[in-house]
């Protein structure tokens, strides 16, 4: 029997644990602060260019799909309140290999958000004349200059500093910024709709849906889904919640509801405020070519220059607040995988302020590297949306499996009609993955293979007697699922060859999704293994005392 160890690498008696210091409002603002970021500043323009007025349908469709996934996370987060939950839930249901795959995708997505938000801030600030003339942070195509990289690094250092100081400071800082981030978009909606509401814009430039259903679907990964991401951040910090069973589910649901209503109002206000003359020849450049500050531009045009000033200030607060929270979420994910020993153990080390310091520093380093190969906001959005879709897909299938294998556990919140909504949620996540486009999907496939290489190297460093079984049988569905989805994307019409006919491509995605979902549920680990995994977590141990069978 191996000696049990803790996340901090100490014996049980001397272990440090995460500090449970966050209440409902802190959790709710953490999720809401993640939802309201650069998406509201830049998403409306991007989606309008692709779908025209039908971008409103894109927001409704994405909201409905993500609402199902949010409710699945709400049940899982309340039932299993652990740090880095999106990596832990699949671990409980399917074992270490599936848990690692989900965690790796979750971590990749989360660790890239901070640099995305920084780039959004710089994009907006570069619209200010004297900053543009003297600092020059962006090239003409929106990519960062050397000065932009230096300033972006300064933001990343600030995020790291606040995270290292502790979860209470993180929660307090985020709560303040989240209130501001909600108030400014609401003010923008009121001002634009009051001063400039052109109802005819909703049928201008080729009609309500100039690019048809294809435009509606293509707009989803171009900014819509990205903007609504983040509701699960309360789940990631559930291990630091004062009353997670009561507060986590409520925080997720309330944050998602507020974010959905706000984004729908913003898109409507944006479309209605546009100059009708700019739409006479279509939606290619509704506010001018190369413009990275659409709401500020509109505010200036309608005579509300004071609002443009507020928007430039908020362009720092909104993305920065979101980047701050996502660095915290990324750190909790790598912390969780360090505890499960599928990533190196130092990542699970807890510092004096009872936060995962090594994981926070890793998030900073990887975030810095992300500035180099993907140095623009739009270049990162597709990849992050694709990774988020895979991450979210693990939640409904894990919920279904845990309802079957661990159904007797108290559930403070229950997903209604779970036997229908769980497979539906898995389908929705896969559709979002497909719509993200082949270019993002195949890159994510390469990233998944890189993750498996990291897992293999990590396990080589663990003595054979201490290695837990990977549960290969329970993970048998993962590679066929991901490989099948990339293959469909290759032949699909969203960046692929277009060989699959319209609508038939969606039918194939749905069929594969349902087949994989029910196969995965049947392959889930036995009830006693699920219970043992949950008990180990509750006891603060990161590996089983006896390796389970493979």
Protein backbone atom coordinates (compact mmCIF):
# COMPACT_ATOMS: atom_id res chain seq x y z
CA UNK A 1 0.00 0.00 0.00
CA UNK A 2 1.41 3.38 -0.98
CA UNK A 3 1.52 6.25 1.37
CA UNK A 4 -1.32 8.67 0.75
CA UNK A 5 -0.22 12.15 -0.18
CA UNK A 6 -1.84 15.50 -0.62
CA UNK A 7 -1.95 18.22 -3.17
CA UNK A 8 0.81 20.09 -1.48
CA UNK A 9 3.10 17.11 -1.46
CA UNK A 10 2.92 16.86 2.33
CA UNK A 11 1.54 14.23 4.63
CA UNK A 12 -2.12 14.44 5.47
CA UNK A 13 -1.52 15.99 8.84
CA UNK A 14 0.50 18.88 7.43
CA UNK A 15 -1.50 19.46 4.28
CA UNK A 16 -2.64 22.84 3.07
CA UNK A 17 -6.08 23.04 1.53
CA UNK A 18 -7.76 25.65 -0.62
CA UNK A 19 -9.47 28.37 1.42
CA UNK A 20 -13.29 28.24 1.34
CA UNK A 21 -13.97 31.97 1.35
CA UNK A 22 -16.30 32.78 -1.59
CA UNK A 23 -20.06 33.25 -1.15
CA UNK A 24 -22.95 33.32 -3.64
CA UNK A 25 -22.37 36.87 -4.87
CA UNK A 26 -18.68 36.24 -5.31
CA UNK A 27 -19.36 33.08 -7.31
CA UNK A 28 -22.09 34.71 -9.38
CA UNK A 29 -19.89 37.69 -10.24
CA UNK A 30 -17.03 35.33 -11.09
CA UNK A 31 -19.22 33.64 -13.71
CA UNK A 32 -20.84 36.89 -14.87
CA UNK A 33 -17.47 38.63 -15.00
CA UNK A 34 -16.23 35.83 -17.23
CA UNK A 35 -19.24 36.09 -19.55
CA UNK A 36 -19.03 39.86 -19.98
CA UNK A 37 -15.60 40.45 -21.46
CA UNK A 38 -14.26 41.32 -24.87
CA UNK A 39 -17.20 39.50 -26.46
CA UNK A 40 -19.53 42.44 -25.92
CA UNK A 41 -17.00 44.94 -27.21
CA UNK A 42 -16.15 43.13 -30.45
CA UNK A 43 -18.64 40.27 -30.91
CA UNK A 44 -21.60 42.27 -32.29
CA UNK A 45 -19.59 43.62 -35.23
CA UNK A 46 -18.07 40.26 -36.10
CA UNK A 47 -21.38 38.41 -36.04
CA UNK A 48 -23.24 41.13 -37.95
CA UNK A 49 -20.67 40.96 -40.76
CA UNK A 50 -21.25 37.21 -41.09
CA UNK A 51 -25.01 36.89 -40.51
CA UNK A 52 -26.43 40.40 -40.89
CA UNK A 53 -29.59 41.05 -38.85
CA UNK A 54 -30.00 37.28 -38.49
CA UNK A 55 -27.16 37.49 -35.98
CA UNK A 56 -30.02 37.96 -33.51
CA UNK A 57 -31.03 34.38 -34.30
CA UNK A 58 -27.42 33.30 -33.71
CA UNK A 59 -27.54 34.76 -30.19
CA UNK A 60 -30.87 33.09 -29.41
CA UNK A 61 -29.66 29.74 -30.75
CA UNK A 62 -26.35 29.90 -28.86
CA UNK A 63 -28.10 30.98 -25.66
CA UNK A 64 -30.52 28.06 -25.80
CA UNK A 65 -27.76 25.54 -26.48
CA UNK A 66 -25.42 26.88 -23.83
CA UNK A 67 -28.26 27.14 -21.30
CA UNK A 68 -28.59 23.35 -21.39
CA UNK A 69 -24.84 22.98 -20.86
CA UNK A 70 -24.93 25.56 -18.07
CA UNK A 71 -27.68 23.66 -16.25
CA UNK A 72 -25.66 20.45 -16.53
CA UNK A 73 -22.70 22.22 -14.95
CA UNK A 74 -25.00 23.61 -12.26
CA UNK A 75 -26.02 20.12 -11.15
CA UNK A 76 -22.51 18.71 -11.30
CA UNK A 77 -20.99 21.68 -9.50
CA UNK A 78 -23.49 21.51 -6.65
CA UNK A 79 -23.24 17.72 -6.32
CA UNK A 80 -19.46 17.47 -6.56
CA UNK A 81 -18.09 20.82 -5.29
CA UNK A 82 -14.40 20.45 -6.11
CA UNK A 83 -11.81 22.79 -7.59
CA UNK A 84 -11.34 22.44 -11.35
CA UNK A 85 -14.68 20.66 -11.69
CA UNK A 86 -14.69 20.42 -15.48
CA UNK A 87 -11.68 18.10 -15.18
CA UNK A 88 -12.95 16.29 -12.09
CA UNK A 89 -16.48 15.30 -13.21
CA UNK A 90 -15.30 13.15 -16.16
CA UNK A 91 -12.65 11.68 -13.85
CA UNK A 92 -15.36 10.53 -11.42
CA UNK A 93 -17.45 9.05 -14.25
CA UNK A 94 -14.86 7.53 -16.57
CA UNK A 95 -11.48 7.45 -14.82
CA UNK A 96 -8.15 9.25 -15.21
CA UNK A 97 -7.72 9.12 -18.99
CA UNK A 98 -11.07 10.74 -19.78
CA UNK A 99 -10.62 13.13 -16.86
CA UNK A 100 -7.27 14.19 -18.27
CA UNK A 101 -8.67 14.69 -21.78
CA UNK A 102 -11.47 16.91 -20.47
CA UNK A 103 -9.11 18.75 -18.17
CA UNK A 104 -6.52 19.31 -20.89
CA UNK A 105 -9.12 20.80 -23.24
CA UNK A 106 -10.55 22.91 -20.42
CA UNK A 107 -7.11 24.14 -19.46
CA UNK A 108 -6.10 24.98 -23.04
CA UNK A 109 -9.26 26.99 -23.50
CA UNK A 110 -8.99 28.78 -20.14
CA UNK A 111 -5.30 29.59 -20.37
CA UNK A 112 -5.82 31.25 -23.77
CA UNK A 113 -8.64 33.53 -22.62
CA UNK A 114 -6.40 35.90 -20.65
CA UNK A 115 -4.25 36.84 -23.67
CA UNK A 116 -7.41 37.13 -25.79
CA UNK A 117 -8.89 39.63 -23.35
CA UNK A 118 -5.65 41.59 -23.23
CA UNK A 119 -5.62 41.80 -27.03
CA UNK A 120 -9.21 43.07 -26.99
CA UNK A 121 -8.21 45.81 -24.56
CA UNK A 122 -5.31 46.88 -26.75
CA UNK A 123 -7.52 46.82 -29.85
CA UNK A 124 -9.92 49.29 -28.27
CA UNK A 125 -7.25 51.53 -26.76
CA UNK A 126 -5.47 51.76 -30.10
CA UNK A 127 -8.55 53.61 -31.41
CA UNK A 128 -7.69 56.59 -29.19
CA UNK A 129 -5.86 59.01 -31.45
CA UNK A 130 -2.97 60.07 -29.24
CA UNK A 131 -2.34 56.49 -28.09
CA UNK A 132 -2.40 55.24 -31.68
CA UNK A 133 0.00 57.97 -32.81
CA UNK A 134 2.47 57.70 -29.93
CA UNK A 135 2.37 54.05 -28.83
CA UNK A 136 1.24 52.13 -31.92
CA UNK A 137 0.18 48.86 -30.30
CA UNK A 138 -1.44 47.23 -33.35
CA UNK A 139 -0.55 46.61 -36.96
CA UNK A 140 -3.17 47.41 -39.61
CA UNK A 141 -4.48 43.82 -39.53
CA UNK A 142 -5.03 43.91 -35.76
CA UNK A 143 -1.93 41.94 -34.75
CA UNK A 144 0.29 43.17 -31.92
CA UNK A 145 3.42 45.23 -32.40
CA UNK A 146 6.43 44.98 -30.07
CA UNK A 147 4.95 47.76 -27.95
CA UNK A 148 1.67 45.85 -27.84
CA UNK A 149 3.45 42.74 -26.63
CA UNK A 150 5.19 44.69 -23.85
CA UNK A 151 1.96 46.31 -22.65
CA UNK A 152 0.12 42.99 -22.91
CA UNK A 153 2.77 41.41 -20.72
CA UNK A 154 2.14 44.12 -18.12
CA UNK A 155 -1.53 43.12 -17.95
CA UNK A 156 -0.59 39.46 -17.57
CA UNK A 157 1.77 40.28 -14.70
CA UNK A 158 -1.05 42.18 -12.95
CA UNK A 159 -3.43 39.21 -13.32
CA UNK A 160 -0.79 36.91 -11.87
CA UNK A 161 -0.08 39.23 -8.92
CA UNK A 162 -3.76 39.46 -7.90
CA UNK A 163 -4.24 35.69 -8.22
CA UNK A 164 -1.19 34.91 -6.10
CA UNK A 165 -2.39 37.21 -3.32
CA UNK A 166 -5.41 35.00 -2.67
CA UNK A 167 -8.97 34.05 -3.62
CA UNK A 168 -10.59 36.70 -1.37
CA UNK A 169 -8.80 39.52 -3.18
CA UNK A 170 -9.65 37.88 -6.51
CA UNK A 171 -13.34 37.66 -5.57
CA UNK A 172 -13.49 41.23 -4.25
CA UNK A 173 -11.67 42.68 -7.26
CA UNK A 174 -13.84 40.77 -9.70
CA UNK A 175 -17.10 41.70 -7.96
CA UNK A 176 -16.34 45.39 -8.37
CA UNK A 177 -15.34 45.04 -12.03
CA UNK A 178 -18.35 42.80 -12.78
CA UNK A 179 -20.78 45.47 -11.58
CA UNK A 180 -19.10 48.05 -13.81
CA UNK A 181 -18.96 45.58 -16.72
CA UNK A 182 -22.71 45.02 -16.47
CA UNK A 183 -23.67 48.67 -16.02
CA UNK A 184 -21.71 50.02 -19.01
CA UNK A 185 -23.28 47.67 -21.62
CA UNK A 186 -26.74 48.47 -20.25
CA UNK A 187 -25.99 52.18 -20.51
CA UNK A 188 -24.78 51.63 -24.07
CA UNK A 189 -28.03 49.89 -25.01
CA UNK A 190 -30.18 52.70 -23.57
CA UNK A 191 -28.18 55.50 -25.20
CA UNK A 192 -27.95 53.93 -28.67
CA UNK A 193 -31.59 52.91 -28.77
CA UNK A 194 -32.64 56.38 -27.61
CA UNK A 195 -30.51 58.41 -30.00
CA UNK A 196 -30.41 56.20 -33.10
CA UNK A 197 -32.89 53.43 -33.74
CA UNK A 198 -33.26 52.58 -37.44
CA UNK A 199 -35.76 49.74 -37.60
CA UNK A 200 -35.19 49.34 -41.32
CA UNK A 201 -31.66 48.06 -40.64
CA UNK A 202 -33.11 44.69 -39.67
CA UNK A 203 -34.01 44.05 -43.31
CA UNK A 204 -31.26 46.10 -45.01
CA UNK A 205 -28.20 44.91 -46.90
CA UNK A 206 -29.78 41.85 -48.48
CA UNK A 207 -32.65 41.16 -46.10
CA UNK A 208 -32.90 39.80 -42.58
CA UNK A 209 -30.68 36.79 -43.36
CA UNK A 210 -28.40 37.79 -46.25
CA UNK A 211 -26.30 34.63 -45.89
CA UNK A 212 -29.14 32.28 -44.94
CA UNK A 213 -28.88 29.56 -42.32
CA UNK A 214 -25.19 29.12 -43.11
CA UNK A 215 -24.53 32.66 -41.93
CA UNK A 216 -26.47 32.07 -38.71
CA UNK A 217 -24.44 28.95 -37.92
CA UNK A 218 -21.10 30.43 -39.02
CA UNK A 219 -21.60 33.40 -36.69
CA UNK A 220 -21.73 31.12 -33.65
CA UNK A 221 -17.98 30.40 -33.39
CA UNK A 222 -17.04 33.84 -34.74
CA UNK A 223 -17.94 35.60 -31.52
CA UNK A 224 -21.40 34.56 -30.28
CA UNK A 225 -20.47 31.39 -28.41
CA UNK A 226 -17.20 32.95 -27.30
CA UNK A 227 -19.05 35.88 -25.74
CA UNK A 228 -21.35 33.59 -23.74
CA UNK A 229 -18.55 31.38 -22.45
CA UNK A 230 -17.60 31.57 -18.80
CA UNK A 231 -20.64 30.46 -16.84
CA UNK A 232 -18.68 27.47 -15.54
CA UNK A 233 -16.07 29.58 -13.76
CA UNK A 234 -18.07 29.38 -10.52
CA UNK A 235 -17.81 25.60 -10.89
CA UNK A 236 -14.03 25.80 -11.26
CA UNK A 237 -13.78 27.64 -7.94
CA UNK A 238 -16.32 25.46 -6.11
CA UNK A 239 -13.52 24.08 -3.95
CA UNK A 240 -13.15 27.59 -2.51
CA UNK A 241 -16.88 28.27 -1.98
CA UNK A 242 -18.25 28.66 1.55
CA UNK A 243 -21.49 26.78 0.77
CA UNK A 244 -20.98 25.14 -2.63
CA UNK A 245 -24.02 22.85 -2.51
CA UNK A 246 -26.31 25.85 -2.21
CA UNK A 247 -24.45 28.59 -4.07
CA UNK A 248 -22.72 27.06 -7.12
CA UNK A 249 -25.83 26.10 -9.08
CA UNK A 250 -27.57 29.40 -8.32
CA UNK A 251 -24.50 31.37 -9.34
CA UNK A 252 -24.22 29.59 -12.71
CA UNK A 253 -27.92 29.97 -13.56
CA UNK A 254 -28.21 33.64 -12.55
CA UNK A 255 -25.00 34.65 -14.35
CA UNK A 256 -26.06 32.87 -17.54
CA UNK A 257 -29.51 34.49 -17.50
CA UNK A 258 -28.11 38.01 -17.05
CA UNK A 259 -25.46 37.51 -19.73
CA UNK A 260 -27.96 36.15 -22.27
CA UNK A 261 -30.40 39.06 -21.91
CA UNK A 262 -27.59 41.60 -22.03
CA UNK A 263 -26.04 40.25 -25.24
CA UNK A 264 -29.39 40.10 -27.03
CA UNK A 265 -30.05 43.75 -26.18
CA UNK A 266 -26.55 44.76 -27.28
CA UNK A 267 -26.85 43.08 -30.67
CA UNK A 268 -30.23 44.70 -31.30
CA UNK A 269 -28.90 48.12 -30.28
CA UNK A 270 -25.83 47.71 -32.49
CA UNK A 271 -27.81 46.80 -35.60
CA UNK A 272 -30.39 49.55 -35.08
CA UNK A 273 -27.76 52.26 -34.50
CA UNK A 274 -25.85 51.68 -37.75
CA UNK A 275 -26.00 54.29 -40.50
CA UNK A 276 -28.44 52.85 -43.08
CA UNK A 277 -26.24 54.22 -45.89
CA UNK A 278 -23.37 51.97 -44.71
CA UNK A 279 -25.58 48.91 -45.34
CA UNK A 280 -26.68 49.79 -48.86
CA UNK A 281 -24.17 47.36 -50.37
CA UNK A 282 -24.24 44.68 -47.70
CA UNK A 283 -22.79 43.95 -44.28
CA UNK A 284 -19.09 43.64 -45.13
CA UNK A 285 -18.07 46.92 -43.42
CA UNK A 286 -21.00 48.26 -41.39
CA UNK A 287 -18.84 50.65 -39.31
CA UNK A 288 -15.83 51.11 -41.57
CA UNK A 289 -13.01 48.83 -42.63
CA UNK A 290 -10.35 48.17 -40.00
CA UNK A 291 -12.44 49.56 -37.13
CA UNK A 292 -11.76 47.69 -33.88
CA UNK A 293 -13.99 49.83 -31.63
CA UNK A 294 -17.52 49.54 -33.07
CA UNK A 295 -19.59 50.73 -30.09
CA UNK A 296 -17.31 53.70 -29.44
CA UNK A 297 -17.55 54.63 -33.12
CA UNK A 298 -21.34 54.44 -33.06
CA UNK A 299 -21.49 56.49 -29.86
CA UNK A 300 -19.42 59.23 -31.51
CA UNK A 301 -21.55 59.19 -34.67
CA UNK A 302 -24.83 59.58 -32.76
CA UNK A 303 -23.44 62.50 -30.77
CA UNK A 304 -22.66 60.73 -27.50
CA UNK A 305 -18.94 61.34 -27.33
CA UNK A 306 -19.08 61.09 -23.54
CA UNK A 307 -20.29 57.50 -23.92
CA UNK A 308 -17.34 56.76 -26.22
CA UNK A 309 -15.02 57.92 -23.43
CA UNK A 310 -16.74 55.60 -20.95
CA UNK A 311 -16.46 52.75 -23.45
CA UNK A 312 -12.72 53.27 -23.81
CA UNK A 313 -12.35 53.07 -20.04
CA UNK A 314 -14.54 49.98 -19.94
CA UNK A 315 -12.42 48.49 -22.73
CA UNK A 316 -9.75 48.10 -20.08
CA UNK A 317 -12.02 47.02 -17.22
CA UNK A 318 -14.21 44.44 -18.98
CA UNK A 319 -11.57 42.34 -20.75
CA UNK A 320 -9.09 42.74 -17.89
CA UNK A 321 -11.63 41.50 -15.35
CA UNK A 322 -12.41 38.49 -17.52
CA UNK A 323 -8.74 37.72 -18.10
CA UNK A 324 -8.15 37.88 -14.36
CA UNK A 325 -10.85 35.31 -13.63
CA UNK A 326 -9.80 32.97 -16.43
CA UNK A 327 -6.24 32.89 -15.16
CA UNK A 328 -7.72 31.74 -11.84
CA UNK A 329 -9.83 29.10 -13.59
CA UNK A 330 -6.88 27.81 -15.63
CA UNK A 331 -4.82 27.54 -12.46
CA UNK A 332 -7.53 25.50 -10.70
CA UNK A 333 -7.71 23.12 -13.66
CA UNK A 334 -3.99 22.38 -13.72
CA UNK A 335 -4.14 22.15 -9.91
CA UNK A 336 -6.91 19.55 -10.23
CA UNK A 337 -4.95 17.52 -12.77
CA UNK A 338 -1.86 17.75 -10.60
CA UNK A 339 -3.88 16.29 -7.73
CA UNK A 340 -5.06 13.45 -9.95
CA UNK A 341 -1.42 12.91 -11.00
CA UNK A 342 -2.07 13.23 -14.70
CA UNK A 343 0.06 16.39 -14.72
CA UNK A 344 3.22 16.92 -12.64
CA UNK A 345 2.62 17.06 -8.87
CA UNK A 346 4.16 20.53 -8.33
CA UNK A 347 1.12 22.02 -10.10
CA UNK A 348 -0.99 20.95 -7.11
CA UNK A 349 1.21 22.73 -4.59
CA UNK A 350 -0.63 25.20 -2.37
CA UNK A 351 1.16 28.39 -1.30
CA UNK A 352 1.03 30.26 1.99
CA UNK A 353 -2.09 32.14 0.92
CA UNK A 354 -3.68 28.79 0.08
CA UNK A 355 -3.83 29.26 -3.66
CA UNK A 356 -2.17 27.02 -6.33
CA UNK A 357 0.88 29.21 -6.92
CA UNK A 358 2.75 26.97 -9.37
CA UNK A 359 -0.39 26.55 -11.49
CA UNK A 360 -0.92 30.32 -11.53
CA UNK A 361 2.64 30.87 -12.73
CA UNK A 362 2.19 28.24 -15.45
CA UNK A 363 -0.94 30.04 -16.66
CA UNK A 364 1.09 33.24 -16.94
CA UNK A 365 3.87 31.59 -18.95
CA UNK A 366 1.54 29.83 -21.41
CA UNK A 367 -0.56 32.98 -21.76
CA UNK A 368 2.56 34.89 -22.73
CA UNK A 369 3.46 32.29 -25.35
CA UNK A 370 -0.06 32.56 -26.82
CA UNK A 371 0.69 36.14 -27.87
CA UNK A 372 3.26 34.82 -30.35
CA UNK A 373 1.52 32.31 -32.67
CA UNK A 374 -1.95 33.88 -32.37
CA UNK A 375 -1.32 37.64 -32.08
CA UNK A 376 -4.86 38.90 -32.74
CA UNK A 377 -8.27 38.64 -31.10
CA UNK A 378 -10.05 36.94 -33.99
CA UNK A 379 -7.19 34.49 -34.60
CA UNK A 380 -7.68 32.99 -31.13
CA UNK A 381 -11.47 33.06 -30.89
CA UNK A 382 -12.13 30.11 -33.24
CA UNK A 383 -9.62 27.84 -31.51
CA UNK A 384 -10.91 28.75 -28.05
CA UNK A 385 -14.52 28.18 -29.09
CA UNK A 386 -13.61 24.75 -30.48
CA UNK A 387 -11.80 23.82 -27.26
CA UNK A 388 -14.72 25.10 -25.19
CA UNK A 389 -17.13 22.93 -27.18
CA UNK A 390 -15.11 19.81 -26.38
CA UNK A 391 -14.81 20.86 -22.74
CA UNK A 392 -18.55 21.46 -22.43
CA UNK A 393 -19.37 18.16 -24.15
CA UNK A 394 -17.86 16.22 -21.26
CA UNK A 395 -20.33 17.72 -18.76
CA UNK A 396 -23.66 16.29 -20.04
CA UNK A 397 -22.21 12.84 -20.77
CA UNK A 398 -20.59 12.79 -17.31
CA UNK A 399 -23.86 13.90 -15.72
CA UNK A 400 -25.75 11.10 -17.47
CA UNK A 401 -23.16 8.51 -16.45
CA UNK A 402 -23.07 9.73 -12.84
CA UNK A 403 -26.87 9.74 -12.62
CA UNK A 404 -26.74 6.06 -13.60
CA UNK A 405 -23.67 5.04 -11.57
CA UNK A 406 -24.01 7.42 -8.59
CA UNK A 407 -27.70 8.19 -8.54
CA UNK A 408 -28.14 7.96 -4.79
CA UNK A 409 -25.94 10.96 -4.00
CA UNK A 410 -27.78 14.09 -2.75
CA UNK A 411 -28.22 16.62 -5.54
CA UNK A 412 -29.05 20.15 -4.32
CA UNK A 413 -29.94 21.06 -7.90
CA UNK A 414 -31.28 18.60 -10.46
CA UNK A 415 -31.28 19.12 -14.21
CA UNK A 416 -34.93 18.83 -15.30
CA UNK A 417 -35.69 16.11 -17.87
CA UNK A 418 -32.05 15.06 -17.55
CA UNK A 419 -32.46 11.88 -19.62
CA UNK A 420 -33.39 14.09 -22.59
CA UNK A 421 -31.34 17.23 -21.92
CA UNK A 422 -28.08 15.40 -21.16
CA UNK A 423 -27.80 13.79 -24.63
CA UNK A 424 -29.17 17.00 -26.17
CA UNK A 425 -26.39 18.96 -24.45
CA UNK A 426 -23.78 16.59 -25.89
CA UNK A 427 -25.27 17.10 -29.35
CA UNK A 428 -25.25 20.89 -28.92
CA UNK A 429 -21.59 20.92 -27.91
CA UNK A 430 -20.63 18.84 -30.94
CA UNK A 431 -22.57 21.11 -33.29
CA UNK A 432 -20.66 24.11 -31.90
CA UNK A 433 -17.42 22.19 -32.43
CA UNK A 434 -18.39 21.50 -36.05
CA UNK A 435 -19.41 25.10 -36.72
CA UNK A 436 -16.06 26.27 -35.33
CA UNK A 437 -14.57 25.15 -38.62
CA UNK A 438 -12.02 22.63 -39.78
CA UNK A 439 -9.11 25.05 -39.38
CA UNK A 440 -9.68 25.29 -35.62
CA UNK A 441 -10.77 21.67 -35.20
CA UNK A 442 -7.70 20.00 -36.70
CA UNK A 443 -5.42 22.27 -34.67
CA UNK A 444 -7.30 21.24 -31.55
CA UNK A 445 -6.81 17.61 -32.54
CA UNK A 446 -3.06 18.20 -32.65
CA UNK A 447 -3.27 19.88 -29.24
CA UNK A 448 -5.08 16.80 -27.89
CA UNK A 449 -2.27 14.54 -29.12
CA UNK A 450 0.25 16.85 -27.47
CA UNK A 451 -1.71 16.49 -24.25
CA UNK A 452 -1.51 12.71 -24.39
CA UNK A 453 2.26 13.00 -24.80
CA UNK A 454 2.39 15.18 -21.67
CA UNK A 455 0.31 12.59 -19.82
CA UNK A 456 2.68 9.79 -20.88
CA UNK A 457 5.73 11.75 -19.71
CA UNK A 458 4.05 12.59 -16.41
CA UNK A 459 3.22 8.94 -15.73
CA UNK A 460 6.76 7.89 -16.54
CA UNK A 461 7.88 10.00 -13.61
CA UNK A 462 5.55 8.17 -11.19
CA UNK A 463 6.78 4.90 -9.64
CA UNK A 464 4.93 1.95 -11.15
CA UNK A 465 3.51 0.95 -7.77
CA UNK A 466 1.86 4.36 -7.38
CA UNK A 467 0.30 4.65 -10.84
CA UNK A 468 -3.47 4.42 -10.89
CA UNK A 469 -5.10 2.56 -13.77
CA UNK A 470 -6.18 4.75 -16.69
CA UNK A 471 -9.45 2.86 -17.20
CA UNK A 472 -8.84 2.26 -20.90
CA UNK A 473 -12.17 0.53 -21.43
CA UNK A 474 -14.13 3.45 -20.01
CA UNK A 475 -12.16 5.81 -22.27
CA UNK A 476 -12.65 3.78 -25.47
CA UNK A 477 -15.21 6.25 -26.84
CA UNK A 478 -13.05 9.39 -26.69
CA UNK A 479 -10.72 8.93 -29.68
CA UNK A 480 -13.45 7.68 -32.07
CA UNK A 481 -15.57 10.67 -31.02
CA UNK A 482 -12.89 13.34 -31.48
CA UNK A 483 -11.48 11.70 -34.61
CA UNK A 484 -14.95 11.35 -36.10
CA UNK A 485 -15.76 15.00 -35.44
CA UNK A 486 -12.53 16.22 -37.06
CA UNK A 487 -13.24 13.98 -40.06
CA UNK A 488 -16.75 15.40 -40.44
CA UNK A 489 -15.31 18.91 -40.19
CA UNK A 490 -12.83 18.06 -42.96
CA UNK A 491 -15.64 17.16 -45.36
CA UNK A 492 -18.06 19.80 -44.07
CA UNK A 493 -18.76 23.30 -45.35
CA UNK A 494 -17.24 25.26 -42.45
CA UNK A 495 -13.66 25.47 -43.64
CA UNK A 496 -13.69 21.91 -45.03
CA UNK A 497 -14.02 20.54 -48.55
CA UNK A 498 -17.80 21.01 -48.64
CA UNK A 499 -18.35 17.44 -49.81
CA UNK A 500 -21.15 16.88 -47.28
CA UNK A 501 -24.46 18.37 -48.47
CA UNK A 502 -26.13 21.08 -46.42
CA UNK A 503 -28.24 19.78 -43.52
CA UNK A 504 -26.92 16.25 -44.10
CA UNK A 505 -23.71 17.37 -42.41
CA UNK A 506 -25.70 18.40 -39.33
CA UNK A 507 -27.64 15.13 -39.37
CA UNK A 508 -24.35 13.18 -39.38
CA UNK A 509 -23.02 15.22 -36.44
CA UNK A 510 -26.21 14.57 -34.48
CA UNK A 511 -26.17 10.83 -35.26
CA UNK A 512 -22.52 10.45 -34.24
CA UNK A 513 -23.11 12.46 -31.08
CA UNK A 514 -26.01 10.32 -29.90
CA UNK A 515 -24.16 7.10 -30.68
CA UNK A 516 -21.09 8.24 -28.75
CA UNK A 517 -23.13 9.58 -25.82
CA UNK A 518 -24.99 6.38 -25.10
CA UNK A 519 -21.89 4.27 -25.71
CA UNK A 520 -19.96 6.38 -23.20
CA UNK A 521 -22.69 6.01 -20.56
CA UNK A 522 -22.54 2.23 -20.91
CA UNK A 523 -18.74 2.28 -20.56
CA UNK A 524 -18.68 4.39 -17.38
CA UNK A 525 -16.78 2.99 -14.40
CA UNK A 526 -18.70 0.90 -11.82
CA UNK A 527 -20.61 2.56 -8.94
CA UNK A 528 -18.13 1.45 -6.29
CA UNK A 529 -15.26 2.99 -8.27
CA UNK A 530 -17.18 6.25 -8.65
CA UNK A 531 -17.87 6.36 -4.92
CA UNK A 532 -14.24 5.59 -4.11
CA UNK A 533 -13.01 8.38 -6.41
CA UNK A 534 -15.35 10.92 -4.79
CA UNK A 535 -14.40 9.77 -1.28
CA UNK A 536 -10.70 10.13 -2.10
CA UNK A 537 -11.32 13.69 -3.18
CA UNK A 538 -13.30 14.47 -0.06
CA UNK A 539 -10.50 13.02 2.05
CA UNK A 540 -7.96 15.27 0.33
CA UNK A 541 -6.07 12.43 -1.36
CA UNK A 542 -5.05 12.65 -4.99
CA UNK A 543 -4.41 9.00 -5.83
CA UNK A 544 -5.99 5.74 -4.69
CA UNK A 545 -4.19 3.76 -2.07
CA UNK A 546 -4.55 0.69 -4.25
CA UNK A 547 -4.35 0.99 -8.05
CA UNK A 548 -7.76 0.13 -9.53
CA UNK A 549 -8.06 -2.41 -12.35
CA UNK A 550 -7.66 -1.16 -15.89
